[in-house]
Amino acid sequence: MADPRYNAAWRMAEQWKQRMGQQRPSQGMSGFKMLGAWLLFGMLLLVGTLFALFFLVIGWALMPLLRYKMKKRAERFSHTYEGQASSKHGSAHYHHVLEGEYEAKPSPRR
């Protein structure tokens, strides 16, 4: 087998490693900067969590109001529909089901 060091990609990687070794290592973040960054990140997480909890509680508090409003709207719709149906058919035995509308008729007696 051929020696991998004669491979062009291998040589480029070796050259890159040599160049990186010659450069002066960069100074990392100081301890105070790193601590400040972590504290800032922690505060942002805390504030975001508090906002989420606040809006969750507001949503839960408004849910009964929304339920009441939707119930009233459904009742108003059903009363409107029944009023239209009774004026159309003039019958007290008018029914509305999901499959359609029907009217029960008495069976003929013999």
Protein backbone atom coordinates (compact mmCIF):
# COMPACT_ATOMS: atom_id res chain seq x y z
CA MET A 1 0.00 0.00 0.00
CA ALA A 2 1.08 3.55 -0.57
CA ASP A 3 2.18 5.66 2.36
CA PRO A 4 -0.65 8.09 3.34
CA ARG A 5 1.89 10.88 3.80
CA TYR A 6 2.25 11.09 0.02
CA ASN A 7 -1.45 11.85 -0.31
CA ALA A 8 -2.20 15.49 -1.28
CA ALA A 9 -4.90 15.84 1.38
CA TRP A 10 -2.50 14.48 4.03
CA ARG A 11 0.16 17.01 3.05
CA MET A 12 -2.34 19.88 3.15
CA ALA A 13 -3.47 18.83 6.61
CA GLU A 14 0.13 18.67 7.83
CA GLN A 15 0.83 22.14 6.41
CA TRP A 16 -2.28 23.49 8.08
CA LYS A 17 -1.22 22.00 11.44
CA GLN A 18 2.23 23.58 11.11
CA ARG A 19 0.76 27.01 10.33
CA MET A 20 -1.60 26.76 13.28
CA GLY A 21 1.27 25.79 15.58
CA GLN A 22 3.31 28.81 14.49
CA GLN A 23 0.56 31.30 15.30
CA ARG A 24 0.46 32.88 18.69
CA PRO A 25 -2.39 31.34 20.69
CA SER A 26 -5.22 33.81 21.13
CA GLN A 27 -6.16 34.97 24.57
CA GLY A 28 -9.41 33.37 25.70
CA MET A 29 -12.06 35.17 27.64
CA SER A 30 -10.95 36.23 31.06
CA GLY A 31 -12.62 34.73 34.10
CA PHE A 32 -14.66 37.86 34.78
CA LYS A 33 -15.92 38.09 31.20
CA MET A 34 -16.90 34.42 31.21
CA LEU A 35 -18.69 34.81 34.56
CA GLY A 36 -20.51 37.89 33.26
CA ALA A 37 -21.58 36.05 30.11
CA TRP A 38 -22.96 33.15 32.15
CA LEU A 39 -24.77 35.48 34.53
CA LEU A 40 -26.31 37.39 31.61
CA PHE A 41 -27.40 34.17 29.94
CA GLY A 42 -28.89 32.90 33.23
CA MET A 43 -30.79 36.15 33.74
CA LEU A 44 -32.21 35.96 30.21
CA LEU A 45 -33.39 32.40 30.86
CA LEU A 46 -34.96 33.46 34.15
CA VAL A 47 -36.75 36.45 32.62
CA GLY A 48 -38.03 34.32 29.72
CA THR A 49 -39.35 31.71 32.12
CA LEU A 50 -41.13 34.35 34.20
CA PHE A 51 -42.74 35.84 31.08
CA ALA A 52 -43.92 32.38 30.01
CA LEU A 53 -45.42 31.68 33.43
CA PHE A 54 -47.11 35.09 33.48
CA PHE A 55 -48.80 34.52 30.11
CA LEU A 56 -49.76 30.98 31.11
CA VAL A 57 -51.54 32.24 34.22
CA ILE A 58 -53.26 35.00 32.21
CA GLY A 59 -54.44 32.36 29.71
CA TRP A 60 -55.80 30.15 32.47
CA ALA A 61 -57.56 33.11 34.08
CA LEU A 62 -59.25 34.10 30.82
CA MET A 63 -60.34 30.57 29.91
CA PRO A 64 -63.66 30.64 31.88
CA LEU A 65 -64.55 33.96 30.27
CA LEU A 66 -63.88 32.56 26.81
CA ARG A 67 -65.86 29.41 27.62
CA TYR A 68 -68.82 31.49 28.81
CA LYS A 69 -68.67 33.61 25.66
CA MET A 70 -68.54 30.57 23.36
CA LYS A 71 -71.43 28.92 25.24
CA LYS A 72 -73.58 32.02 24.82
CA ARG A 73 -72.71 32.19 21.12
CA ALA A 74 -73.68 28.53 20.64
CA GLU A 75 -76.96 29.06 22.48
CA ARG A 76 -77.74 32.12 20.37
CA PHE A 77 -76.99 30.15 17.19
CA SER A 78 -79.17 27.21 18.25
CA HIS A 79 -82.08 29.52 19.15
CA THR A 80 -81.77 31.29 15.81
CA TYR A 81 -81.69 27.97 13.95
CA GLU A 82 -84.68 26.57 15.86
CA GLY A 83 -86.63 29.76 15.18
CA GLN A 84 -85.96 29.48 11.47
CA ALA A 85 -86.83 25.78 11.47
CA SER A 86 -90.13 26.19 13.28
CA SER A 87 -91.16 29.01 10.94
CA LYS A 88 -90.31 26.82 7.93
CA HIS A 89 -92.09 23.69 9.01
CA GLY A 90 -94.60 24.95 11.56
CA SER A 91 -94.21 21.71 13.48
CA ALA A 92 -93.29 21.26 17.11
CA HIS A 93 -91.67 17.92 16.28
CA TYR A 94 -88.92 19.32 14.12
CA HIS A 95 -85.50 17.70 14.68
CA HIS A 96 -82.02 18.51 13.50
CA VAL A 97 -79.29 15.86 13.55
CA LEU A 98 -75.81 15.65 12.08
CA GLU A 99 -76.93 13.48 9.17
CA GLY A 100 -79.63 15.90 8.06
CA GLU A 101 -83.12 17.07 8.84
CA TYR A 102 -86.12 14.88 9.30
CA GLU A 103 -89.67 15.01 10.54
CA ALA A 104 -91.32 12.05 12.22
CA LYS A 105 -94.68 11.21 10.68
CA PRO A 106 -97.28 9.00 12.32
CA SER A 107 -97.68 5.57 10.78
CA PRO A 108 -101.06 4.88 9.14
CA ARG A 109 -103.40 2.66 11.23
CA ARG A 110 -105.34 -0.13 9.66
